[in-house]
Amino acid sequence: MSAEAHHHQRDAHHVRRNFVCHVLEGGFYMGGTAFLAPESVLPKMVQSLGGKPWVIAVMPVLLPAAFACMGLFIAPVVERLTRFKPWVLGFGLLQRLPYLITGLILLLGKDVDEWLLPLVVLTPVVSGLIGGLNVVAWMEMVTRMVPEKVRAAGWSARYIMQACLAVGAGMVIHWVLTHIPGRQGYAWLHLAAFALLFLSWVSQLPMREPMGHPEPPRTARLPYRDYLRSLPALFAAQKHLKKLVFARFLGTGFLMLVSFLTIHALHVTGRPEADEGHFVTSQAVGTVLGSLIAGWVGYFRGGKVLMLASRIVCLALCGWVMFNANFSGFTIAYFALGLGLFIDRVGDLTLAAELCPVQRRSTLQAMLSFCNVFSLLLSSFIAGQVYRITESFHMVAWLAGACAIGSILVLLRIPEPRDAHVAPVPDTEI
């Protein structure tokens, strides 16, 4: 065998190994978070620990909001790295430790009852903030390790693996909260989450980073203060991205709704807290179907139609939960939630990436994520205040439905980038 053929065979082996590890890393990570599902388990957990409505309302968004906070500020540092794997492994391990620490404190701690609520709330915040320091480097590492032609298959496989693990997580949640209710049960759920998160970290160890330096940044290096000052003007030039930010804010109706959906469902049906495990399983099944639909439709039609479809699912969900009063109906609602959330996620990522000019895509994507922090927190806070003032889940559902309609109206004013007649968005040099 010639040296060239040998190198080609070795590179192909590394690509296959990187792909498998990439899928396992994401599947285990997202499957682990299912044990503390932010749309169903965490809100009820916080309520049982005496959390106020606004705290319950923000639980589904704390982890993604914390993740999105740091990317914009760490990007100039990460883009100067020549190797990403050491950074990813170091911060990745720190990012997972809060779940272990909280689980052990809940399980073994004495006289810590007054600290339980802050611990549960701060765990996803601390994990997300550390993860935010890591996510830009992780994306760059994945881009280098996984070839472009198989990335879509990788994302799809990760989400399907997540959904399969979440089905099992739902069964485990039901068993744990039936036989070990309260603080001890929540401790074991945190430890179960950490176990899969740690497997996710271990899955990255065999990945091989390509030799050689990554491509240099497309723009001249600026002092950090000048870099930050240049961002508002850069973003202001992207008129369609500003519309997308507003559409995202109004499109958080799902998260407004789910903050109180589990509490409402268990109250209306009179079912025990352990039955929220069935909601996790049903949502996971919806995620699988949503992944298939989003991948197929998005490939041919782009992201805008997916975002519009998700808003329609949100409207239907709002109407359904306001009038439903039986447990099977709420399991259907969580199936629709998983379906709609995933369709929205794929559509949002696709549309945002295609609206951003290629030359500044990374920076603009980080800015969109940063803006999304305020959208997530503000919309959830508003929903929490509405629930506190009215003490009515139906008012929250009306608010979520109205926001979905508003988001549809904004999306209709954003052109689909794949249409031939749409002119490219102008770029801005700094």
Protein backbone atom coordinates (compact mmCIF):
# COMPACT_ATOMS: atom_id res chain seq x y z
CA MET A 1 0.00 0.00 0.00
CA SER A 2 1.37 3.39 -0.98
CA ALA A 3 1.96 6.08 1.62
CA GLU A 4 -0.76 8.24 0.10
CA ALA A 5 -3.32 5.42 0.24
CA HIS A 6 -2.29 4.70 3.82
CA HIS A 7 -2.82 8.32 4.85
CA HIS A 8 -6.20 8.37 3.10
CA GLN A 9 -7.30 5.20 4.91
CA ARG A 10 -6.12 6.60 8.24
CA ASP A 11 -7.99 9.89 7.69
CA ALA A 12 -11.16 7.99 6.76
CA HIS A 13 -10.85 6.01 10.00
CA HIS A 14 -10.46 9.21 12.01
CA VAL A 15 -13.54 10.73 10.33
CA ARG A 16 -15.65 7.68 11.19
CA ARG A 17 -14.42 7.68 14.78
CA ASN A 18 -15.00 11.42 15.16
CA PHE A 19 -18.51 11.08 13.76
CA VAL A 20 -19.46 8.27 16.14
CA CYS A 21 -17.99 10.12 19.12
CA HIS A 22 -19.78 13.31 18.07
CA VAL A 23 -23.13 11.49 18.04
CA LEU A 24 -22.48 9.78 21.37
CA GLU A 25 -21.37 13.04 23.01
CA GLY A 26 -24.54 14.87 22.04
CA GLY A 27 -26.89 11.97 22.63
CA PHE A 28 -25.58 11.29 26.12
CA TYR A 29 -25.50 14.99 27.03
CA MET A 30 -29.05 15.79 25.96
CA GLY A 31 -30.28 12.44 27.24
CA GLY A 32 -28.78 13.28 30.62
CA THR A 33 -30.55 16.61 30.84
CA ALA A 34 -33.84 14.74 30.25
CA PHE A 35 -33.67 13.46 33.85
CA LEU A 36 -34.17 17.10 34.89
CA ALA A 37 -36.35 18.04 31.93
CA PRO A 38 -36.66 21.86 32.06
CA GLU A 39 -40.10 21.77 30.43
CA SER A 40 -41.67 19.36 32.92
CA VAL A 41 -39.54 18.16 35.85
CA LEU A 42 -37.76 21.33 36.98
CA PRO A 43 -40.82 23.64 37.22
CA LYS A 44 -42.64 21.14 39.45
CA MET A 45 -39.47 20.55 41.47
CA VAL A 46 -39.09 24.27 42.09
CA GLN A 47 -42.76 24.62 43.07
CA SER A 48 -42.43 21.76 45.56
CA LEU A 49 -39.45 23.57 47.11
CA GLY A 50 -41.48 26.76 47.55
CA GLY A 51 -40.33 28.68 44.49
CA LYS A 52 -42.26 31.80 43.47
CA PRO A 53 -44.12 31.94 40.12
CA TRP A 54 -41.42 34.01 38.40
CA VAL A 55 -38.77 31.49 39.44
CA ILE A 56 -40.91 28.61 38.13
CA ALA A 57 -41.44 30.54 34.90
CA VAL A 58 -37.74 30.95 34.11
CA MET A 59 -36.68 27.35 34.82
CA PRO A 60 -37.18 26.13 31.20
CA VAL A 61 -34.94 28.92 29.87
CA LEU A 62 -32.17 29.18 32.48
CA LEU A 63 -29.80 26.68 30.83
CA PRO A 64 -30.08 27.99 27.23
CA ALA A 65 -29.98 31.60 28.44
CA ALA A 66 -26.86 30.99 30.52
CA PHE A 67 -25.24 29.19 27.56
CA ALA A 68 -25.92 32.12 25.26
CA CYS A 69 -24.55 34.77 27.61
CA MET A 70 -20.86 34.10 27.23
CA GLY A 71 -20.33 33.15 23.59
CA LEU A 72 -20.17 36.71 22.28
CA PHE A 73 -17.48 37.73 24.77
CA ILE A 74 -15.30 34.64 24.51
CA ALA A 75 -15.37 34.40 20.69
CA PRO A 76 -12.34 36.71 20.10
CA VAL A 77 -10.26 34.55 22.45
CA VAL A 78 -11.36 31.20 21.04
CA GLU A 79 -10.86 32.17 17.42
CA ARG A 80 -7.13 32.65 18.14
CA LEU A 81 -6.69 29.09 19.42
CA THR A 82 -4.75 26.64 17.28
CA ARG A 83 -6.17 23.55 19.03
CA PHE A 84 -9.66 23.33 20.48
CA LYS A 85 -9.88 19.89 22.09
CA PRO A 86 -7.94 20.73 25.31
CA TRP A 87 -10.15 23.79 25.87
CA VAL A 88 -13.33 21.77 25.18
CA LEU A 89 -12.35 18.93 27.51
CA GLY A 90 -11.28 21.23 30.34
CA PHE A 91 -14.32 23.48 30.42
CA GLY A 92 -16.57 20.57 29.45
CA LEU A 93 -15.72 18.69 32.63
CA LEU A 94 -16.26 21.79 34.78
CA GLN A 95 -19.56 22.38 33.01
CA ARG A 96 -20.88 18.97 34.13
CA LEU A 97 -19.71 19.03 37.77
CA PRO A 98 -22.54 21.23 39.19
CA TYR A 99 -25.01 18.35 38.68
CA LEU A 100 -22.79 15.98 40.67
CA ILE A 101 -22.26 18.52 43.45
CA THR A 102 -25.98 19.34 43.74
CA GLY A 103 -26.93 15.66 43.69
CA LEU A 104 -24.49 14.83 46.49
CA ILE A 105 -25.62 17.78 48.62
CA LEU A 106 -29.28 16.80 48.19
CA LEU A 107 -28.48 13.19 49.03
CA LEU A 108 -26.00 13.58 51.90
CA GLY A 109 -26.35 17.14 53.18
CA LYS A 110 -27.79 17.81 56.61
CA ASP A 111 -29.59 20.97 57.71
CA VAL A 112 -29.50 22.36 54.17
CA ASP A 113 -33.23 22.68 53.59
CA GLU A 114 -33.02 26.46 53.26
CA TRP A 115 -30.38 26.04 50.52
CA LEU A 116 -32.27 23.49 48.44
CA LEU A 117 -34.15 25.95 46.23
CA PRO A 118 -31.08 28.10 45.42
CA LEU A 119 -29.10 24.92 44.67
CA VAL A 120 -31.67 23.57 42.24
CA VAL A 121 -32.06 26.93 40.50
CA LEU A 122 -28.35 27.75 40.31
CA THR A 123 -27.24 24.34 39.01
CA PRO A 124 -28.34 24.96 35.39
CA VAL A 125 -27.18 28.58 35.63
CA VAL A 126 -23.62 27.72 36.69
CA SER A 127 -23.44 24.82 34.24
CA GLY A 128 -24.72 27.02 31.44
CA LEU A 129 -22.31 29.88 32.14
CA ILE A 130 -19.33 27.51 32.07
CA GLY A 131 -20.78 25.87 28.98
CA GLY A 132 -21.02 29.28 27.37
CA LEU A 133 -17.25 29.62 27.72
CA ASN A 134 -16.97 26.30 25.94
CA VAL A 135 -19.61 26.30 23.21
CA VAL A 136 -17.76 28.46 20.65
CA ALA A 137 -14.64 26.29 20.88
CA TRP A 138 -16.79 23.15 20.76
CA MET A 139 -18.50 24.31 17.56
CA GLU A 140 -15.14 25.05 15.97
CA MET A 141 -13.79 21.66 17.03
CA VAL A 142 -16.80 19.83 15.60
CA THR A 143 -16.51 21.81 12.37
CA ARG A 144 -12.90 20.68 11.98
CA MET A 145 -13.49 17.06 13.01
CA VAL A 146 -16.75 16.25 11.22
CA PRO A 147 -16.86 16.81 7.43
CA GLU A 148 -19.57 19.11 6.11
CA LYS A 149 -21.32 16.40 4.09
CA VAL A 150 -22.12 14.33 7.19
CA ARG A 151 -22.83 17.09 9.72
CA ALA A 152 -26.59 17.11 9.09
CA ALA A 153 -26.70 13.35 9.65
CA GLY A 154 -24.71 13.87 12.84
CA TRP A 155 -27.12 16.44 14.26
CA SER A 156 -30.09 14.25 13.38
CA ALA A 157 -28.52 11.16 14.96
CA ARG A 158 -27.71 13.11 18.13
CA TYR A 159 -31.29 14.26 18.55
CA ILE A 160 -32.74 10.82 17.84
CA MET A 161 -30.38 9.26 20.40
CA GLN A 162 -31.41 11.97 22.87
CA ALA A 163 -35.08 11.17 22.32
CA CYS A 164 -34.53 7.44 22.82
CA LEU A 165 -32.68 8.06 26.08
CA ALA A 166 -35.38 10.51 27.15
CA VAL A 167 -38.02 7.78 26.78
CA GLY A 168 -36.05 5.72 29.27
CA ALA A 169 -35.48 8.78 31.46
CA GLY A 170 -39.23 9.31 31.66
CA MET A 171 -39.69 5.78 33.01
CA VAL A 172 -36.88 6.27 35.52
CA ILE A 173 -38.36 9.59 36.69
CA HIS A 174 -41.73 7.92 37.26
CA TRP A 175 -40.16 5.09 39.28
CA VAL A 176 -37.88 7.34 41.36
CA LEU A 177 -40.54 9.88 42.30
CA THR A 178 -42.98 7.06 43.10
CA HIS A 179 -40.65 5.15 45.40
CA ILE A 180 -38.25 7.92 46.56
CA PRO A 181 -40.31 11.14 46.56
CA GLY A 182 -39.07 14.56 47.57
CA ARG A 183 -35.50 15.63 48.20
CA GLN A 184 -33.94 12.14 47.97
CA GLY A 185 -35.64 11.49 44.63
CA TYR A 186 -34.43 14.79 43.21
CA ALA A 187 -30.92 13.92 44.42
CA TRP A 188 -30.93 10.66 42.43
CA LEU A 189 -32.25 12.46 39.35
CA HIS A 190 -29.35 14.93 39.54
CA LEU A 191 -26.88 12.05 39.91
CA ALA A 192 -28.45 10.15 37.01
CA ALA A 193 -28.16 13.28 34.88
CA PHE A 194 -24.48 13.63 35.82
CA ALA A 195 -23.79 9.98 34.96
CA LEU A 196 -24.90 10.48 31.36
CA LEU A 197 -23.26 13.91 31.16
CA PHE A 198 -19.98 12.30 32.24
CA LEU A 199 -20.39 9.59 29.58
CA SER A 200 -20.88 12.45 27.14
CA TRP A 201 -17.55 13.95 28.22
CA VAL A 202 -15.78 10.57 28.01
CA SER A 203 -17.13 10.12 24.47
CA GLN A 204 -15.03 13.07 23.34
CA LEU A 205 -11.71 11.58 24.50
CA PRO A 206 -11.11 9.37 21.42
CA MET A 207 -11.85 12.22 18.99
CA ARG A 208 -8.82 13.22 16.93
CA GLU A 209 -8.31 16.85 16.04
CA PRO A 210 -6.82 17.37 12.54
CA MET A 211 -3.23 18.51 12.40
CA GLY A 212 -2.48 22.01 11.20
CA HIS A 213 -3.77 25.42 12.13
CA PRO A 214 -7.38 26.49 11.55
CA GLU A 215 -8.10 29.23 9.07
CA PRO A 216 -7.26 32.70 10.42
CA PRO A 217 -10.14 35.09 11.19
CA ARG A 218 -11.48 36.89 8.14
CA THR A 219 -11.24 40.28 9.84
CA ALA A 220 -8.26 42.12 11.27
CA ARG A 221 -7.73 41.65 14.96
CA LEU A 222 -9.10 44.54 17.01
CA PRO A 223 -8.51 45.50 20.63
CA TYR A 224 -11.20 43.85 22.71
CA ARG A 225 -12.89 47.15 23.61
CA ASP A 226 -13.03 48.19 19.95
CA TYR A 227 -14.40 44.77 19.05
CA LEU A 228 -17.30 45.24 21.47
CA ARG A 229 -17.95 48.81 20.32
CA SER A 230 -18.16 47.67 16.69
CA LEU A 231 -20.91 45.14 17.32
CA PRO A 232 -23.99 47.45 17.47
CA ALA A 233 -23.21 49.02 14.07
CA LEU A 234 -22.56 45.60 12.55
CA PHE A 235 -25.89 44.26 13.78
CA ALA A 236 -27.83 47.41 12.87
CA ALA A 237 -26.90 46.89 9.20
CA GLN A 238 -28.68 43.50 9.14
CA LYS A 239 -32.33 44.51 8.79
CA HIS A 240 -33.70 40.99 8.48
CA LEU A 241 -31.80 39.80 11.55
CA LYS A 242 -33.47 42.53 13.62
CA LYS A 243 -36.84 41.16 12.54
CA LEU A 244 -35.69 37.67 13.46
CA VAL A 245 -34.83 38.82 16.98
CA PHE A 246 -38.36 40.17 17.41
CA ALA A 247 -39.86 37.00 15.90
CA ARG A 248 -37.81 34.94 18.37
CA PHE A 249 -39.04 36.99 21.33
CA LEU A 250 -42.68 36.54 20.32
CA GLY A 251 -41.97 32.92 19.44
CA THR A 252 -41.25 31.95 23.05
CA GLY A 253 -44.91 31.06 23.56
CA PHE A 254 -43.96 27.41 24.04
CA LEU A 255 -41.72 28.30 26.96
CA MET A 256 -44.31 30.64 28.50
CA LEU A 257 -46.75 27.75 28.44
CA VAL A 258 -44.62 24.89 29.66
CA SER A 259 -43.40 26.69 32.76
CA PHE A 260 -46.78 26.00 34.34
CA LEU A 261 -48.14 23.19 32.16
CA THR A 262 -46.99 20.30 34.36
CA ILE A 263 -48.29 22.02 37.49
CA HIS A 264 -51.63 22.68 35.78
CA ALA A 265 -51.88 19.16 34.35
CA LEU A 266 -51.21 17.40 37.68
CA HIS A 267 -53.59 19.74 39.49
CA VAL A 268 -56.45 19.31 37.02
CA THR A 269 -56.12 15.54 36.75
CA GLY A 270 -55.24 14.89 40.40
CA ARG A 271 -52.34 12.65 39.39
CA PRO A 272 -49.20 12.18 41.55
CA GLU A 273 -45.98 14.05 40.84
CA ALA A 274 -44.32 10.85 39.59
CA ASP A 275 -46.58 10.86 36.55
CA GLU A 276 -44.62 13.76 35.07
CA GLY A 277 -42.26 11.03 33.88
CA HIS A 278 -44.94 10.09 31.32
CA PHE A 279 -44.80 13.67 30.03
CA VAL A 280 -41.04 13.38 29.47
CA THR A 281 -41.53 10.16 27.51
CA SER A 282 -44.32 11.61 25.38
CA GLN A 283 -42.29 14.73 24.65
CA ALA A 284 -39.37 12.55 23.57
CA VAL A 285 -41.54 10.71 21.05
CA GLY A 286 -42.65 14.06 19.65
CA THR A 287 -39.00 15.07 19.36
CA VAL A 288 -38.23 12.04 17.18
CA LEU A 289 -41.09 12.83 14.81
CA GLY A 290 -40.18 16.51 14.83
CA SER A 291 -36.59 15.66 13.89
CA LEU A 292 -37.73 13.67 10.88
CA ILE A 293 -40.21 16.30 9.70
CA ALA A 294 -37.81 19.21 10.27
CA GLY A 295 -34.96 17.49 8.49
CA TRP A 296 -37.07 16.60 5.43
CA VAL A 297 -38.96 19.88 5.07
CA GLY A 298 -35.97 22.04 5.97
CA TYR A 299 -33.82 20.37 3.33
CA PHE A 300 -36.23 21.30 0.55
CA ARG A 301 -37.94 24.46 1.85
CA GLY A 302 -35.57 26.17 4.28
CA GLY A 303 -36.06 27.38 7.84
CA LYS A 304 -38.81 29.99 7.56
CA VAL A 305 -41.59 27.52 6.80
CA LEU A 306 -40.52 25.43 9.79
CA MET A 307 -40.71 28.41 12.12
CA LEU A 308 -44.17 29.28 10.81
CA ALA A 309 -45.28 25.67 11.29
CA SER A 310 -44.00 25.67 14.87
CA ARG A 311 -46.06 28.78 15.67
CA ILE A 312 -49.16 27.05 14.33
CA VAL A 313 -48.42 24.04 16.55
CA CYS A 314 -48.05 26.45 19.49
CA LEU A 315 -51.46 27.99 18.78
CA ALA A 316 -53.07 24.56 18.61
CA LEU A 317 -51.34 23.55 21.85
CA CYS A 318 -52.58 26.67 23.65
CA GLY A 319 -56.16 25.93 22.64
CA TRP A 320 -55.87 22.26 23.53
CA VAL A 321 -54.52 22.67 27.08
CA MET A 322 -57.08 25.34 27.98
CA PHE A 323 -59.98 22.94 27.41
CA ASN A 324 -58.43 19.55 28.14
CA ALA A 325 -59.02 17.99 31.56
CA ASN A 326 -57.79 14.38 31.28
CA PHE A 327 -54.34 12.89 31.68
CA SER A 328 -54.14 11.26 28.25
CA GLY A 329 -54.93 14.64 26.71
CA PHE A 330 -51.98 16.20 28.52
CA THR A 331 -49.65 13.44 27.31
CA ILE A 332 -50.76 14.38 23.79
CA ALA A 333 -49.99 18.01 24.64
CA TYR A 334 -46.42 17.08 25.59
CA PHE A 335 -46.07 15.11 22.37
CA ALA A 336 -47.10 18.29 20.49
CA LEU A 337 -44.64 20.26 22.62
CA GLY A 338 -41.73 18.02 21.63
CA LEU A 339 -42.83 18.15 18.00
CA GLY A 340 -43.19 21.94 17.90
CA LEU A 341 -40.07 22.79 19.89
CA PHE A 342 -37.83 20.71 17.67
CA ILE A 343 -39.35 22.02 14.44
CA ASP A 344 -38.79 25.53 15.77
CA ARG A 345 -35.20 24.78 16.80
CA VAL A 346 -34.21 23.43 13.39
CA GLY A 347 -36.05 26.20 11.54
CA ASP A 348 -34.52 28.90 13.70
CA LEU A 349 -30.96 27.62 13.30
CA THR A 350 -31.41 27.19 9.56
CA LEU A 351 -32.97 30.60 8.91
CA ALA A 352 -30.49 32.46 11.13
CA ALA A 353 -27.47 30.82 9.47
CA GLU A 354 -28.75 31.61 5.98
CA LEU A 355 -29.63 35.22 6.78
CA CYS A 356 -26.15 35.98 8.16
CA PRO A 357 -23.46 37.13 5.69
CA VAL A 358 -20.83 34.42 5.42
CA GLN A 359 -17.95 36.79 6.21
CA ARG A 360 -19.32 37.64 9.70
CA ARG A 361 -21.52 34.63 10.36
CA SER A 362 -19.83 33.52 13.58
CA THR A 363 -20.00 36.95 15.19
CA LEU A 364 -23.57 37.60 14.09
CA GLN A 365 -24.66 34.16 15.31
CA ALA A 366 -23.12 34.96 18.71
CA MET A 367 -24.96 38.29 18.75
CA LEU A 368 -28.25 36.57 17.92
CA SER A 369 -27.68 34.15 20.79
CA PHE A 370 -26.89 37.03 23.13
CA CYS A 371 -30.11 38.82 22.13
CA ASN A 372 -31.97 35.58 22.70
CA VAL A 373 -30.96 35.64 26.36
CA PHE A 374 -33.11 38.70 26.93
CA SER A 375 -35.95 37.24 24.87
CA LEU A 376 -36.01 34.06 26.91
CA LEU A 377 -35.72 35.71 30.31
CA LEU A 378 -38.10 38.60 29.60
CA SER A 379 -40.84 36.45 28.09
CA SER A 380 -40.62 33.94 30.93
CA PHE A 381 -40.67 36.72 33.53
CA ILE A 382 -43.77 38.23 31.91
CA ALA A 383 -45.50 34.85 31.94
CA GLY A 384 -44.59 34.43 35.60
CA GLN A 385 -46.00 37.83 36.51
CA VAL A 386 -49.22 37.12 34.62
CA TYR A 387 -49.58 33.84 36.50
CA ARG A 388 -48.82 35.50 39.84
CA ILE A 389 -51.31 38.32 39.33
CA THR A 390 -54.15 36.32 37.79
CA GLU A 391 -53.42 32.89 39.35
CA SER A 392 -54.78 31.55 36.06
CA PHE A 393 -53.02 29.12 33.73
CA HIS A 394 -55.56 30.05 31.06
CA MET A 395 -54.31 33.64 31.00
CA VAL A 396 -50.79 32.38 30.40
CA ALA A 397 -52.09 30.23 27.55
CA TRP A 398 -53.88 33.25 26.01
CA LEU A 399 -50.65 35.26 26.29
CA ALA A 400 -48.63 32.46 24.63
CA GLY A 401 -51.15 32.20 21.81
CA ALA A 402 -51.14 35.96 21.20
CA CYS A 403 -47.34 35.97 21.05
CA ALA A 404 -47.40 33.11 18.53
CA ILE A 405 -49.71 35.12 16.27
CA GLY A 406 -47.43 38.16 16.57
CA SER A 407 -44.41 36.03 15.69
CA ILE A 408 -46.17 34.73 12.57
CA LEU A 409 -46.85 38.29 11.42
CA VAL A 410 -43.19 39.23 11.86
CA LEU A 411 -41.92 36.08 10.12
CA LEU A 412 -44.08 36.80 7.10
CA ARG A 413 -42.04 39.99 6.60
CA ILE A 414 -38.73 38.09 6.51
CA PRO A 415 -37.83 36.74 3.05
CA GLU A 416 -36.77 33.14 2.64
CA PRO A 417 -33.03 33.37 1.79
CA ARG A 418 -33.26 30.43 -0.60
CA ASP A 419 -35.67 32.24 -2.91
CA ALA A 420 -33.80 33.37 -6.00
CA HIS A 421 -35.34 36.82 -6.00
CA VAL A 422 -34.15 37.70 -2.50
CA ALA A 423 -31.14 40.00 -2.57
CA PRO A 424 -28.33 39.12 -0.14
CA VAL A 425 -28.18 41.04 3.09
CA PRO A 426 -25.44 43.72 2.93
CA ASP A 427 -22.40 43.15 5.06
CA THR A 428 -20.62 45.71 7.19
CA GLU A 429 -16.87 45.94 7.49
CA ILE A 430 -15.25 46.97 10.73
